[in-house]
């Protein structure tokens, strides 16, 4: 339980950020699934580009770790190459 007004405010801000960040991570997971579910190269490339941009944005904002973003981009790029696309 916060004891000061500033601590109450920080608790409110932390809760708001937690909810926002959680929704962003959920959005990322959906985008990754879209790349993995693609069956043709054209769809996979389009989904990969959107997902790569989202990964970079979330890593810049430290919502996910930058190394995780790089790892996921690499994994997804290999998947797109396997379908015959050029990421």
Protein backbone atom coordinates (compact mmCIF):
# COMPACT_ATOMS: atom_id res chain seq x y z
CA UNK A 1 0.00 0.00 0.00
CA UNK A 2 1.53 3.36 -1.04
CA UNK A 3 2.16 5.80 1.77
CA UNK A 4 2.60 9.03 -0.20
CA UNK A 5 0.81 10.74 -3.07
CA UNK A 6 3.81 10.28 -5.33
CA UNK A 7 3.92 6.56 -4.53
CA UNK A 8 0.21 6.29 -5.34
CA UNK A 9 0.83 7.99 -8.67
CA UNK A 10 3.77 5.72 -9.46
CA UNK A 11 1.59 2.69 -8.70
CA UNK A 12 -1.10 3.98 -11.09
CA UNK A 13 1.49 4.64 -13.79
CA UNK A 14 3.08 1.24 -13.32
CA UNK A 15 -0.29 -0.49 -13.66
CA UNK A 16 -1.14 1.48 -16.79
CA UNK A 17 2.25 0.71 -18.37
CA UNK A 18 1.96 -2.96 -17.42
CA UNK A 19 -1.39 -3.26 -19.21
CA UNK A 20 -0.14 -1.40 -22.28
CA UNK A 21 3.07 -3.43 -22.51
CA UNK A 22 1.15 -6.68 -22.07
CA UNK A 23 -1.12 -5.78 -24.99
CA UNK A 24 1.93 -4.94 -27.12
CA UNK A 25 3.53 -8.31 -26.36
CA UNK A 26 0.26 -10.04 -27.23
CA UNK A 27 0.14 -8.13 -30.52
CA UNK A 28 3.68 -9.29 -31.24
CA UNK A 29 2.82 -12.94 -30.57
CA UNK A 30 -0.10 -12.68 -33.00
CA UNK A 31 2.15 -11.16 -35.67
CA UNK A 32 4.71 -13.96 -35.21
CA UNK A 33 1.97 -16.58 -35.56
CA UNK A 34 0.86 -14.91 -38.79
CA UNK A 35 4.35 -15.37 -40.28
CA UNK A 36 4.55 -18.98 -39.12
CA UNK A 37 1.08 -19.74 -40.52
CA UNK A 38 1.87 -18.33 -43.98
CA UNK A 39 1.79 -20.97 -46.68
CA UNK A 40 3.09 -19.01 -49.66
CA UNK A 41 6.16 -16.82 -50.03
CA UNK A 42 4.33 -13.58 -50.83
CA UNK A 43 2.16 -13.71 -47.70
CA UNK A 44 5.12 -14.74 -45.58
CA UNK A 45 7.27 -11.83 -46.79
CA UNK A 46 4.51 -9.29 -46.13
CA UNK A 47 3.87 -10.68 -42.65
CA UNK A 48 7.61 -10.86 -41.93
CA UNK A 49 8.15 -7.19 -42.78
CA UNK A 50 5.37 -6.09 -40.44
CA UNK A 51 6.62 -8.37 -37.69
CA UNK A 52 10.26 -7.29 -38.06
CA UNK A 53 9.24 -3.65 -37.77
CA UNK A 54 7.18 -4.43 -34.68
CA UNK A 55 10.04 -6.39 -33.12
CA UNK A 56 12.43 -3.48 -33.68
CA UNK A 57 9.97 -0.99 -32.23
CA UNK A 58 9.32 -3.05 -29.10
CA UNK A 59 13.04 -3.68 -28.61
CA UNK A 60 13.80 0.04 -28.90
CA UNK A 61 11.20 0.74 -26.22
CA UNK A 62 12.62 -2.12 -24.09
CA UNK A 63 9.27 -3.92 -23.98
CA UNK A 64 11.22 -6.97 -25.13
CA UNK A 65 14.97 -7.52 -24.92
CA UNK A 66 16.88 -6.42 -28.05
CA UNK A 67 18.60 -9.81 -28.30
CA UNK A 68 15.21 -11.53 -28.30
CA UNK A 69 14.09 -9.28 -31.14
CA UNK A 70 17.20 -10.13 -33.16
CA UNK A 71 16.77 -13.85 -32.47
CA UNK A 72 13.10 -13.84 -33.51
CA UNK A 73 13.85 -11.87 -36.68
CA UNK A 74 16.52 -14.41 -37.61
CA UNK A 75 14.24 -17.37 -36.94
CA UNK A 76 11.40 -15.85 -38.94
CA UNK A 77 13.72 -14.92 -41.81
CA UNK A 78 14.84 -18.55 -42.05
CA UNK A 79 11.20 -19.60 -42.17
CA UNK A 80 10.44 -17.13 -44.97
CA UNK A 81 13.51 -18.30 -46.94
CA UNK A 82 12.33 -21.90 -46.60
CA UNK A 83 9.08 -20.89 -48.29
CA UNK A 84 11.02 -19.34 -51.16
CA UNK A 85 10.62 -15.71 -50.19
CA UNK A 86 13.22 -13.00 -49.75
CA UNK A 87 12.86 -11.25 -46.35
